[in-house]
PDB file of all heavy atoms in Angstrom:
ATOM      1  N   LEU A   1      34.859  47.382   8.775  1.00  0.00           N
ATOM      2  CA  LEU A   1      35.715  46.516   7.970  1.00  0.00           C
ATOM      3  C   LEU A   1      35.382  45.045   8.193  1.00  0.00           C
ATOM      4  O   LEU A   1      35.402  44.244   7.258  1.00  0.00           O
ATOM      5  CB  LEU A   1      37.183  46.784   8.286  1.00  0.00           C
ATOM      6  CG  LEU A   1      37.732  48.137   7.833  1.00  0.00           C
ATOM      7  CD1 LEU A   1      39.195  48.286   8.227  1.00  0.00           C
ATOM      8  CD2 LEU A   1      37.574  48.318   6.329  1.00  0.00           C
ATOM      9  N   GLU A   2      35.073  44.679   9.434  1.00  0.00           N
ATOM     10  CA  GLU A   2      34.708  43.291   9.706  1.00  0.00           C
ATOM     11  C   GLU A   2      33.442  42.921   8.950  1.00  0.00           C
ATOM     12  O   GLU A   2      33.343  41.842   8.350  1.00  0.00           O
ATOM     13  CB  GLU A   2      34.506  43.093  11.209  1.00  0.00           C
ATOM     14  CG  GLU A   2      34.234  41.644  11.586  1.00  0.00           C
ATOM     15  CD  GLU A   2      34.093  41.459  13.080  1.00  0.00           C
ATOM     16  OE1 GLU A   2      33.373  42.267  13.711  1.00  0.00           O
ATOM     17  OE2 GLU A   2      34.709  40.524  13.617  1.00  0.00           O
ATOM     18  N   ARG A   3      32.474  43.832   8.955  1.00  0.00           N
ATOM     19  CA  ARG A   3      31.198  43.548   8.270  1.00  0.00           C
ATOM     20  C   ARG A   3      31.383  43.409   6.771  1.00  0.00           C
ATOM     21  O   ARG A   3      30.901  42.462   6.148  1.00  0.00           O
ATOM     22  CB  ARG A   3      30.206  44.682   8.593  1.00  0.00           C
ATOM     23  CG  ARG A   3      28.891  44.628   7.810  1.00  0.00           C
ATOM     24  CD  ARG A   3      27.818  45.431   8.536  1.00  0.00           C
ATOM     25  NE  ARG A   3      28.264  46.767   8.858  1.00  0.00           N
ATOM     26  CZ  ARG A   3      27.959  47.855   8.132  1.00  0.00           C
ATOM     27  NH1 ARG A   3      27.243  47.730   7.040  1.00  0.00           N
ATOM     28  NH2 ARG A   3      28.368  49.043   8.499  1.00  0.00           N
ATOM     29  N   PHE A   4      32.106  44.359   6.171  1.00  0.00           N
ATOM     30  CA  PHE A   4      32.225  44.346   4.713  1.00  0.00           C
ATOM     31  C   PHE A   4      33.248  43.327   4.213  1.00  0.00           C
ATOM     32  O   PHE A   4      33.135  42.838   3.086  1.00  0.00           O
ATOM     33  CB  PHE A   4      32.551  45.745   4.195  1.00  0.00           C
ATOM     34  CG  PHE A   4      31.369  46.660   4.173  1.00  0.00           C
ATOM     35  CD1 PHE A   4      31.241  47.659   5.122  1.00  0.00           C
ATOM     36  CD2 PHE A   4      30.364  46.504   3.241  1.00  0.00           C
ATOM     37  CE1 PHE A   4      30.140  48.499   5.125  1.00  0.00           C
ATOM     38  CE2 PHE A   4      29.253  47.335   3.233  1.00  0.00           C
ATOM     39  CZ  PHE A   4      29.139  48.335   4.181  1.00  0.00           C
ATOM     40  N   SER A   5      34.256  43.000   5.011  1.00  0.00           N
ATOM     41  CA  SER A   5      35.210  41.986   4.567  1.00  0.00           C
ATOM     42  C   SER A   5      34.525  40.630   4.450  1.00  0.00           C
ATOM     43  O   SER A   5      34.865  39.818   3.579  1.00  0.00           O
ATOM     44  CB  SER A   5      36.401  41.900   5.520  1.00  0.00           C
ATOM     45  OG  SER A   5      36.000  41.498   6.812  1.00  0.00           O
ATOM     46  N   ASN A   6      33.530  40.378   5.295  1.00  0.00           N
ATOM     47  CA  ASN A   6      32.800  39.114   5.228  1.00  0.00           C
ATOM     48  C   ASN A   6      31.971  38.993   3.957  1.00  0.00           C
ATOM     49  O   ASN A   6      31.737  37.889   3.461  1.00  0.00           O
ATOM     50  CB  ASN A   6      31.886  38.956   6.447  1.00  0.00           C
ATOM     51  CG  ASN A   6      32.664  38.687   7.722  1.00  0.00           C
ATOM     52  OD1 ASN A   6      33.750  38.130   7.681  1.00  0.00           O
ATOM     53  ND2 ASN A   6      32.112  39.086   8.854  1.00  0.00           N
ATOM     54  N   SER A   7      31.509  40.126   3.424  1.00  0.00           N
ATOM     55  CA  SER A   7      30.653  40.079   2.234  1.00  0.00           C
ATOM     56  C   SER A   7      31.411  40.356   0.940  1.00  0.00           C
ATOM     57  O   SER A   7      31.096  39.793  -0.108  1.00  0.00           O
ATOM     58  CB  SER A   7      29.503  41.081   2.374  1.00  0.00           C
ATOM     59  OG  SER A   7      29.985  42.385   2.608  1.00  0.00           O
ATOM     60  N   LEU A   8      32.451  41.211   1.004  1.00  0.00           N
ATOM     61  CA  LEU A   8      33.167  41.608  -0.217  1.00  0.00           C
ATOM     62  C   LEU A   8      34.363  40.713  -0.544  1.00  0.00           C
ATOM     63  O   LEU A   8      34.601  40.392  -1.707  1.00  0.00           O
ATOM     64  CB  LEU A   8      33.665  43.056  -0.091  1.00  0.00           C
ATOM     65  CG  LEU A   8      32.686  44.183  -0.399  1.00  0.00           C
ATOM     66  CD1 LEU A   8      33.347  45.525  -0.142  1.00  0.00           C
ATOM     67  CD2 LEU A   8      32.193  44.117  -1.831  1.00  0.00           C
ATOM     68  N   ASN A   9      35.127  40.334   0.470  1.00  0.00           N
ATOM     69  CA  ASN A   9      36.412  39.671   0.224  1.00  0.00           C
ATOM     70  C   ASN A   9      36.231  38.194  -0.113  1.00  0.00           C
ATOM     71  O   ASN A   9      36.471  37.321   0.709  1.00  0.00           O
ATOM     72  CB  ASN A   9      37.328  39.823   1.444  1.00  0.00           C
ATOM     73  CG  ASN A   9      37.682  41.274   1.709  1.00  0.00           C
ATOM     74  OD1 ASN A   9      37.275  42.171   0.990  1.00  0.00           O
ATOM     75  ND2 ASN A   9      38.451  41.500   2.759  1.00  0.00           N
ATOM     76  N   LYS A  10      35.792  37.940  -1.335  1.00  0.00           N
ATOM     77  CA  LYS A  10      35.593  36.570  -1.793  1.00  0.00           C
ATOM     78  C   LYS A  10      36.714  36.181  -2.753  1.00  0.00           C
ATOM     79  O   LYS A  10      37.300  37.035  -3.435  1.00  0.00           O
ATOM     80  CB  LYS A  10      34.243  36.442  -2.527  1.00  0.00           C
ATOM     81  CG  LYS A  10      33.040  36.918  -1.727  1.00  0.00           C
ATOM     82  CD  LYS A  10      32.806  36.095  -0.470  1.00  0.00           C
ATOM     83  CE  LYS A  10      31.532  36.545   0.250  1.00  0.00           C
ATOM     84  NZ  LYS A  10      31.324  35.828   1.518  1.00  0.00           N
ATOM     85  N   LYS A  11      37.009  34.895  -2.810  1.00  0.00           N
ATOM     86  CA  LYS A  11      38.031  34.385  -3.713  1.00  0.00           C
ATOM     87  C   LYS A  11      37.669  34.732  -5.151  1.00  0.00           C
ATOM     88  O   LYS A  11      36.515  34.619  -5.560  1.00  0.00           O
ATOM     89  CB  LYS A  11      38.171  32.865  -3.548  1.00  0.00           C
ATOM     90  CG  LYS A  11      39.359  32.282  -4.304  1.00  0.00           C
ATOM     91  CD  LYS A  11      39.514  30.794  -4.015  1.00  0.00           C
ATOM     92  CE  LYS A  11      40.722  30.238  -4.761  1.00  0.00           C
ATOM     93  NZ  LYS A  11      40.907  28.780  -4.499  1.00  0.00           N
ATOM     94  N   ASN A  12      38.659  35.178  -5.915  1.00  0.00           N
ATOM     95  CA  ASN A  12      38.501  35.563  -7.322  1.00  0.00           C
ATOM     96  C   ASN A  12      37.693  36.845  -7.505  1.00  0.00           C
ATOM     97  O   ASN A  12      37.328  37.194  -8.628  1.00  0.00           O
ATOM     98  CB  ASN A  12      37.861  34.428  -8.136  1.00  0.00           C
ATOM     99  CG  ASN A  12      38.697  33.156  -8.141  1.00  0.00           C
ATOM    100  OD1 ASN A  12      39.920  33.216  -8.171  1.00  0.00           O
ATOM    101  ND2 ASN A  12      38.029  32.015  -8.098  1.00  0.00           N
ATOM    102  N   ASN A  13      37.384  37.527  -6.414  1.00  0.00           N
ATOM    103  CA  ASN A  13      36.713  38.818  -6.522  1.00  0.00           C
ATOM    104  C   ASN A  13      37.774  39.911  -6.697  1.00  0.00           C
ATOM    105  O   ASN A  13      38.891  39.793  -6.205  1.00  0.00           O
ATOM    106  CB  ASN A  13      35.890  39.094  -5.257  1.00  0.00           C
ATOM    107  CG  ASN A  13      34.962  40.279  -5.418  1.00  0.00           C
ATOM    108  OD1 ASN A  13      34.767  40.780  -6.507  1.00  0.00           O
ATOM    109  ND2 ASN A  13      34.378  40.720  -4.312  1.00  0.00           N
ATOM    110  N   GLU A  14      37.413  40.984  -7.399  1.00  0.00           N
ATOM    111  CA  GLU A  14      38.358  42.075  -7.630  1.00  0.00           C
ATOM    112  C   GLU A  14      38.211  43.175  -6.588  1.00  0.00           C
ATOM    113  O   GLU A  14      39.066  44.040  -6.456  1.00  0.00           O
ATOM    114  CB  GLU A  14      38.139  42.666  -9.037  1.00  0.00           C
ATOM    115  CG  GLU A  14      39.163  43.696  -9.451  1.00  0.00           C
ATOM    116  CD  GLU A  14      38.910  44.297 -10.826  1.00  0.00           C
ATOM    117  OE1 GLU A  14      37.910  43.924 -11.465  1.00  0.00           O
ATOM    118  OE2 GLU A  14      39.715  45.150 -11.259  1.00  0.00           O
ATOM    119  N   TYR A  15      37.140  43.141  -5.815  1.00  0.00           N
ATOM    120  CA  TYR A  15      36.799  44.250  -4.936  1.00  0.00           C
ATOM    121  C   TYR A  15      36.965  43.844  -3.475  1.00  0.00           C
ATOM    122  O   TYR A  15      36.385  42.840  -3.029  1.00  0.00           O
ATOM    123  CB  TYR A  15      35.362  44.705  -5.216  1.00  0.00           C
ATOM    124  CG  TYR A  15      35.091  44.895  -6.691  1.00  0.00           C
ATOM    125  CD1 TYR A  15      34.159  44.119  -7.355  1.00  0.00           C
ATOM    126  CD2 TYR A  15      35.828  45.828  -7.428  1.00  0.00           C
ATOM    127  CE1 TYR A  15      33.931  44.275  -8.711  1.00  0.00           C
ATOM    128  CE2 TYR A  15      35.611  45.986  -8.782  1.00  0.00           C
ATOM    129  CZ  TYR A  15      34.665  45.210  -9.423  1.00  0.00           C
ATOM    130  OH  TYR A  15      34.465  45.365 -10.766  1.00  0.00           O
ATOM    131  N   PHE A  16      37.721  44.655  -2.718  1.00  0.00           N
ATOM    132  CA  PHE A  16      38.103  44.279  -1.360  1.00  0.00           C
ATOM    133  C   PHE A  16      38.014  45.463  -0.398  1.00  0.00           C
ATOM    134  O   PHE A  16      37.989  46.634  -0.809  1.00  0.00           O
ATOM    135  CB  PHE A  16      39.550  43.766  -1.336  1.00  0.00           C
ATOM    136  CG  PHE A  16      39.761  42.449  -2.025  1.00  0.00           C
ATOM    137  CD1 PHE A  16      39.987  42.397  -3.385  1.00  0.00           C
ATOM    138  CD2 PHE A  16      39.728  41.262  -1.308  1.00  0.00           C
ATOM    139  CE1 PHE A  16      40.183  41.175  -4.035  1.00  0.00           C
ATOM    140  CE2 PHE A  16      39.917  40.043  -1.934  1.00  0.00           C
ATOM    141  CZ  PHE A  16      40.145  40.006  -3.308  1.00  0.00           C
ATOM    142  N   VAL A  17      38.000  45.122   0.886  1.00  0.00           N
ATOM    143  CA  VAL A  17      38.345  46.046   1.967  1.00  0.00           C
ATOM    144  C   VAL A  17      39.410  45.327   2.793  1.00  0.00           C
ATOM    145  O   VAL A  17      39.516  44.091   2.731  1.00  0.00           O
ATOM    146  CB  VAL A  17      37.130  46.406   2.844  1.00  0.00           C
ATOM    147  CG1 VAL A  17      36.055  47.099   2.035  1.00  0.00           C
ATOM    148  CG2 VAL A  17      36.567  45.172   3.543  1.00  0.00           C
ATOM    149  N   PRO A  18      40.226  46.043   3.558  1.00  0.00           N
ATOM    150  CA  PRO A  18      41.250  45.361   4.367  1.00  0.00           C
ATOM    151  C   PRO A  18      40.630  44.407   5.387  1.00  0.00           C
ATOM    152  O   PRO A  18      39.643  44.734   6.048  1.00  0.00           O
ATOM    153  CB  PRO A  18      41.980  46.517   5.061  1.00  0.00           C
ATOM    154  CG  PRO A  18      41.713  47.712   4.201  1.00  0.00           C
ATOM    155  CD  PRO A  18      40.334  47.505   3.660  1.00  0.00           C
ATOM    156  N   THR A  19      41.219  43.231   5.516  1.00  0.00           N
ATOM    157  CA  THR A  19      40.804  42.272   6.549  1.00  0.00           C
ATOM    158  C   THR A  19      41.305  42.756   7.905  1.00  0.00           C
ATOM    159  O   THR A  19      42.439  43.214   8.034  1.00  0.00           O
ATOM    160  CB  THR A  19      41.387  40.884   6.248  1.00  0.00           C
ATOM    161  OG1 THR A  19      40.905  40.455   4.960  1.00  0.00           O
ATOM    162  CG2 THR A  19      40.968  39.878   7.304  1.00  0.00           C
ATOM    163  N   VAL A  20      40.466  42.668   8.929  1.00  0.00           N
ATOM    164  CA  VAL A  20      40.866  43.120  10.261  1.00  0.00           C
ATOM    165  C   VAL A  20      41.338  41.936  11.104  1.00  0.00           C
ATOM    166  O   VAL A  20      40.852  40.813  10.956  1.00  0.00           O
ATOM    167  CB  VAL A  20      39.723  43.868  10.970  1.00  0.00           C
ATOM    168  CG1 VAL A  20      39.525  45.241  10.377  1.00  0.00           C
ATOM    169  CG2 VAL A  20      38.420  43.072  10.922  1.00  0.00           C
ATOM    170  N   PHE A  21      42.292  42.226  12.006  1.00  0.00           N
ATOM    171  CA  PHE A  21      42.876  41.200  12.854  1.00  0.00           C
ATOM    172  C   PHE A  21      42.667  41.470  14.343  1.00  0.00           C
ATOM    173  O   PHE A  21      42.930  40.604  15.165  1.00  0.00           O
ATOM    174  CB  PHE A  21      44.376  41.078  12.583  1.00  0.00           C
ATOM    175  CG  PHE A  21      44.695  40.485  11.239  1.00  0.00           C
ATOM    176  CD1 PHE A  21      44.673  41.258  10.098  1.00  0.00           C
ATOM    177  CD2 PHE A  21      45.008  39.143  11.125  1.00  0.00           C
ATOM    178  CE1 PHE A  21      44.954  40.719   8.851  1.00  0.00           C
ATOM    179  CE2 PHE A  21      45.302  38.581   9.887  1.00  0.00           C
ATOM    180  CZ  PHE A  21      45.273  39.370   8.746  1.00  0.00           C
ATOM    181  N   GLY A  22      42.232  42.672  14.682  1.00  0.00           N
ATOM    182  CA  GLY A  22      42.027  42.971  16.093  1.00  0.00           C
ATOM    183  C   GLY A  22      41.657  44.424  16.307  1.00  0.00           C
ATOM    184  O   GLY A  22      41.778  45.264  15.408  1.00  0.00           O
ATOM    185  N   ASN A  23      41.231  44.717  17.536  1.00  0.00           N
ATOM    186  CA  ASN A  23      40.732  46.051  17.853  1.00  0.00           C
ATOM    187  C   ASN A  23      41.022  46.367  19.310  1.00  0.00           C
ATOM    188  O   ASN A  23      40.760  45.550  20.198  1.00  0.00           O
ATOM    189  CB  ASN A  23      39.218  46.084  17.582  1.00  0.00           C
ATOM    190  CG  ASN A  23      38.597  47.418  17.929  1.00  0.00           C
ATOM    191  OD1 ASN A  23      39.235  48.458  17.790  1.00  0.00           O
ATOM    192  ND2 ASN A  23      37.358  47.387  18.374  1.00  0.00           N
ATOM    193  N   PHE A  24      41.602  47.546  19.548  1.00  0.00           N
ATOM    194  CA  PHE A  24      41.839  48.031  20.900  1.00  0.00           C
ATOM    195  C   PHE A  24      41.152  49.403  21.025  1.00  0.00           C
ATOM    196  O   PHE A  24      41.803  50.446  20.893  1.00  0.00           O
ATOM    197  CB  PHE A  24      43.340  48.162  21.176  1.00  0.00           C
ATOM    198  CG  PHE A  24      44.086  46.862  21.172  1.00  0.00           C
ATOM    199  CD1 PHE A  24      44.500  46.282  19.982  1.00  0.00           C
ATOM    200  CD2 PHE A  24      44.359  46.189  22.355  1.00  0.00           C
ATOM    201  CE1 PHE A  24      45.178  45.073  19.965  1.00  0.00           C
ATOM    202  CE2 PHE A  24      45.040  44.987  22.360  1.00  0.00           C
ATOM    203  CZ  PHE A  24      45.439  44.419  21.157  1.00  0.00           C
ATOM    204  N   PRO A  25      39.839  49.416  21.252  1.00  0.00           N
ATOM    205  CA  PRO A  25      39.086  50.677  21.213  1.00  0.00           C
ATOM    206  C   PRO A  25      39.531  51.698  22.256  1.00  0.00           C
ATOM    207  O   PRO A  25      39.520  52.905  21.987  1.00  0.00           O
ATOM    208  CB  PRO A  25      37.634  50.230  21.439  1.00  0.00           C
ATOM    209  CG  PRO A  25      37.731  48.872  22.061  1.00  0.00           C
ATOM    210  CD  PRO A  25      38.976  48.260  21.526  1.00  0.00           C
ATOM    211  N   ASN A  26      39.926  51.259  23.456  1.00  0.00           N
ATOM    212  CA  ASN A  26      40.351  52.210  24.488  1.00  0.00           C
ATOM    213  C   ASN A  26      41.624  52.950  24.087  1.00  0.00           C
ATOM    214  O   ASN A  26      41.843  54.099  24.479  1.00  0.00           O
ATOM    215  CB  ASN A  26      40.568  51.488  25.816  1.00  0.00           C
ATOM    216  CG  ASN A  26      39.275  50.966  26.404  1.00  0.00           C
ATOM    217  OD1 ASN A  26      38.193  51.490  26.120  1.00  0.00           O
ATOM    218  ND2 ASN A  26      39.363  49.918  27.218  1.00  0.00           N
ATOM    219  N   GLU A  27      42.483  52.266  23.344  1.00  0.00           N
ATOM    220  CA  GLU A  27      43.735  52.883  22.890  1.00  0.00           C
ATOM    221  C   GLU A  27      43.599  53.496  21.488  1.00  0.00           C
ATOM    222  O   GLU A  27      44.534  54.115  20.983  1.00  0.00           O
ATOM    223  CB  GLU A  27      44.863  51.850  22.865  1.00  0.00           C
ATOM    224  CG  GLU A  27      45.294  51.351  24.239  1.00  0.00           C
ATOM    225  CD  GLU A  27      44.347  50.312  24.808  1.00  0.00           C
ATOM    226  OE1 GLU A  27      43.492  49.794  24.035  1.00  0.00           O
ATOM    227  OE2 GLU A  27      44.461  49.998  26.012  1.00  0.00           O
ATOM    228  N   GLY A  28      42.457  53.292  20.845  1.00  0.00           N
ATOM    229  CA  GLY A  28      42.242  53.838  19.502  1.00  0.00           C
ATOM    230  C   GLY A  28      43.022  53.114  18.429  1.00  0.00           C
ATOM    231  O   GLY A  28      43.451  53.739  17.453  1.00  0.00           O
ATOM    232  N   LEU A  29      43.194  51.778  18.580  1.00  0.00           N
ATOM    233  CA  LEU A  29      43.991  51.001  17.626  1.00  0.00           C
ATOM    234  C   LEU A  29      43.128  49.997  16.867  1.00  0.00           C
ATOM    235  O   LEU A  29      42.225  49.384  17.442  1.00  0.00           O
ATOM    236  CB  LEU A  29      45.103  50.223  18.339  1.00  0.00           C
ATOM    237  CG  LEU A  29      46.176  50.979  19.113  1.00  0.00           C
ATOM    238  CD1 LEU A  29      47.219  49.992  19.615  1.00  0.00           C
ATOM    239  CD2 LEU A  29      46.830  52.030  18.248  1.00  0.00           C
ATOM    240  N   VAL A  30      43.451  49.835  15.578  1.00  0.00           N
ATOM    241  CA  VAL A  30      42.863  48.774  14.770  1.00  0.00           C
ATOM    242  C   VAL A  30      44.004  48.025  14.092  1.00  0.00           C
ATOM    243  O   VAL A  30      44.941  48.645  13.563  1.00  0.00           O
ATOM    244  CB  VAL A  30      41.917  49.331  13.690  1.00  0.00           C
ATOM    245  CG1 VAL A  30      41.314  48.182  12.869  1.00  0.00           C
ATOM    246  CG2 VAL A  30      40.805  50.157  14.301  1.00  0.00           C
ATOM    247  N   LEU A  31      43.944  46.698  14.108  1.00  0.00           N
ATOM    248  CA  LEU A  31      44.915  45.867  13.404  1.00  0.00           C
ATOM    249  C   LEU A  31      44.253  45.386  12.121  1.00  0.00           C
ATOM    250  O   LEU A  31      43.177  44.770  12.167  1.00  0.00           O
ATOM    251  CB  LEU A  31      45.334  44.668  14.254  1.00  0.00           C
ATOM    252  CG  LEU A  31      45.745  44.951  15.698  1.00  0.00           C
ATOM    253  CD1 LEU A  31      46.149  43.646  16.391  1.00  0.00           C
ATOM    254  CD2 LEU A  31      46.896  45.953  15.744  1.00  0.00           C
ATOM    255  N   MET A  32      44.879  45.652  10.990  1.00  0.00           N
ATOM    256  CA  MET A  32      44.271  45.297   9.709  1.00  0.00           C
ATOM    257  C   MET A  32      45.338  44.914   8.695  1.00  0.00           C
ATOM    258  O   MET A  32      46.535  45.157   8.894  1.00  0.00           O
ATOM    259  CB  MET A  32      43.440  46.470   9.174  1.00  0.00           C
ATOM    260  CG  MET A  32      44.247  47.710   8.818  1.00  0.00           C
ATOM    261  SD  MET A  32      43.229  49.038   8.144  1.00  0.00           S
ATOM    262  CE  MET A  32      42.346  49.561   9.611  1.00  0.00           C
ATOM    263  N   GLU A  33      44.872  44.324   7.618  1.00  0.00           N
ATOM    264  CA  GLU A  33      45.753  43.942   6.523  1.00  0.00           C
ATOM    265  C   GLU A  33      46.488  45.160   5.967  1.00  0.00           C
ATOM    266  O   GLU A  33      45.901  46.224   5.791  1.00  0.00           O
ATOM    267  CB  GLU A  33      44.902  43.299   5.429  1.00  0.00           C
ATOM    268  CG  GLU A  33      45.610  42.985   4.135  1.00  0.00           C
ATOM    269  CD  GLU A  33      44.644  42.565   3.047  1.00  0.00           C
ATOM    270  OE1 GLU A  33      43.415  42.622   3.276  1.00  0.00           O
ATOM    271  OE2 GLU A  33      45.122  42.186   1.963  1.00  0.00           O
ATOM    272  N   TRP A  34      47.784  45.000   5.722  1.00  0.00           N
ATOM    273  CA  TRP A  34      48.576  46.049   5.052  1.00  0.00           C
ATOM    274  C   TRP A  34      48.418  45.869   3.548  1.00  0.00           C
ATOM    275  O   TRP A  34      48.671  44.793   3.020  1.00  0.00           O
ATOM    276  CB  TRP A  34      50.041  45.939   5.451  1.00  0.00           C
ATOM    277  CG  TRP A  34      50.907  46.990   4.821  1.00  0.00           C
ATOM    278  CD1 TRP A  34      51.438  46.969   3.564  1.00  0.00           C
ATOM    279  CD2 TRP A  34      51.326  48.224   5.412  1.00  0.00           C
ATOM    280  NE1 TRP A  34      52.169  48.105   3.336  1.00  0.00           N
ATOM    281  CE2 TRP A  34      52.117  48.895   4.456  1.00  0.00           C
ATOM    282  CE3 TRP A  34      51.117  48.809   6.661  1.00  0.00           C
ATOM    283  CZ2 TRP A  34      52.703  50.132   4.715  1.00  0.00           C
ATOM    284  CZ3 TRP A  34      51.686  50.049   6.916  1.00  0.00           C
ATOM    285  CH2 TRP A  34      52.476  50.688   5.948  1.00  0.00           C
ATOM    286  N   VAL A  35      47.987  46.926   2.859  1.00  0.00           N
ATOM    287  CA  VAL A  35      47.771  46.857   1.409  1.00  0.00           C
ATOM    288  C   VAL A  35      48.834  47.694   0.714  1.00  0.00           C
ATOM    289  O   VAL A  35      48.955  48.897   0.975  1.00  0.00           O
ATOM    290  CB  VAL A  35      46.357  47.364   1.040  1.00  0.00           C
ATOM    291  CG1 VAL A  35      46.118  47.231  -0.461  1.00  0.00           C
ATOM    292  CG2 VAL A  35      45.287  46.600   1.821  1.00  0.00           C
ATOM    293  N   GLU A  36      49.590  47.068  -0.166  1.00  0.00           N
ATOM    294  CA  GLU A  36      50.696  47.751  -0.845  1.00  0.00           C
ATOM    295  C   GLU A  36      50.262  48.570  -2.056  1.00  0.00           C
ATOM    296  O   GLU A  36      51.019  49.368  -2.574  1.00  0.00           O
ATOM    297  CB  GLU A  36      51.736  46.718  -1.308  1.00  0.00           C
ATOM    298  CG  GLU A  36      52.587  46.138  -0.187  1.00  0.00           C
ATOM    299  CD  GLU A  36      53.582  47.141   0.390  1.00  0.00           C
ATOM    300  OE1 GLU A  36      53.722  48.239  -0.179  1.00  0.00           O
ATOM    301  OE2 GLU A  36      54.207  46.824   1.413  1.00  0.00           O
ATOM    302  N   SER A  37      49.051  48.375  -2.534  1.00  0.00           N
ATOM    303  CA  SER A  37      48.617  49.032  -3.771  1.00  0.00           C
ATOM    304  C   SER A  37      48.662  50.556  -3.649  1.00  0.00           C
ATOM    305  O   SER A  37      48.329  51.106  -2.593  1.00  0.00           O
ATOM    306  CB  SER A  37      47.188  48.600  -4.105  1.00  0.00           C
ATOM    307  OG  SER A  37      47.074  47.202  -4.162  1.00  0.00           O
ATOM    308  N   PRO A  38      49.039  51.273  -4.728  1.00  0.00           N
ATOM    309  CA  PRO A  38      49.030  52.733  -4.692  1.00  0.00           C
ATOM    310  C   PRO A  38      47.609  53.276  -4.720  1.00  0.00           C
ATOM    311  O   PRO A  38      46.682  52.603  -5.181  1.00  0.00           O
ATOM    312  CB  PRO A  38      49.785  53.118  -5.973  1.00  0.00           C
ATOM    313  CG  PRO A  38      49.568  51.967  -6.897  1.00  0.00           C
ATOM    314  CD  PRO A  38      49.514  50.742  -6.023  1.00  0.00           C
ATOM    315  N   SER A  39      47.444  54.482  -4.215  1.00  0.00           N
ATOM    316  CA  SER A  39      46.122  55.107  -4.221  1.00  0.00           C
ATOM    317  C   SER A  39      45.774  55.603  -5.617  1.00  0.00           C
ATOM    318  O   SER A  39      46.642  55.833  -6.467  1.00  0.00           O
ATOM    319  CB  SER A  39      46.097  56.288  -3.244  1.00  0.00           C
ATOM    320  OG  SER A  39      46.961  57.317  -3.708  1.00  0.00           O
ATOM    321  N   LEU A  40      44.478  55.775  -5.850  1.00  0.00           N
ATOM    322  CA  LEU A  40      44.032  56.382  -7.108  1.00  0.00           C
ATOM    323  C   LEU A  40      44.644  57.770  -7.270  1.00  0.00           C
ATOM    324  O   LEU A  40      44.987  58.182  -8.382  1.00  0.00           O
ATOM    325  CB  LEU A  40      42.503  56.467  -7.130  1.00  0.00           C
ATOM    326  CG  LEU A  40      41.902  57.142  -8.370  1.00  0.00           C
ATOM    327  CD1 LEU A  40      42.092  56.273  -9.602  1.00  0.00           C
ATOM    328  CD2 LEU A  40      40.424  57.454  -8.151  1.00  0.00           C
ATOM    329  N   GLU A  41      44.774  58.486  -6.166  1.00  0.00           N
ATOM    330  CA  GLU A  41      45.368  59.830  -6.191  1.00  0.00           C
ATOM    331  C   GLU A  41      46.727  59.807  -6.881  1.00  0.00           C
ATOM    332  O   GLU A  41      47.014  60.639  -7.766  1.00  0.00           O
ATOM    333  CB  GLU A  41      45.510  60.333  -4.758  1.00  0.00           C
ATOM    334  CG  GLU A  41      46.154  61.692  -4.626  1.00  0.00           C
ATOM    335  CD  GLU A  41      46.307  62.099  -3.172  1.00  0.00           C
ATOM    336  OE1 GLU A  41      46.554  61.223  -2.325  1.00  0.00           O
ATOM    337  OE2 GLU A  41      46.203  63.294  -2.892  1.00  0.00           O
TER     338      GLU A  41
END
């Protein structure tokens, strides 16, 4: 997410991945943007 947010998440772009805010690998946690949009499903 860190890699793709740097390339995809541009102003006025329609295509995104959640922005990440932190990582706790030993605990298995990722902090990321909460997205309210409904799924395609």
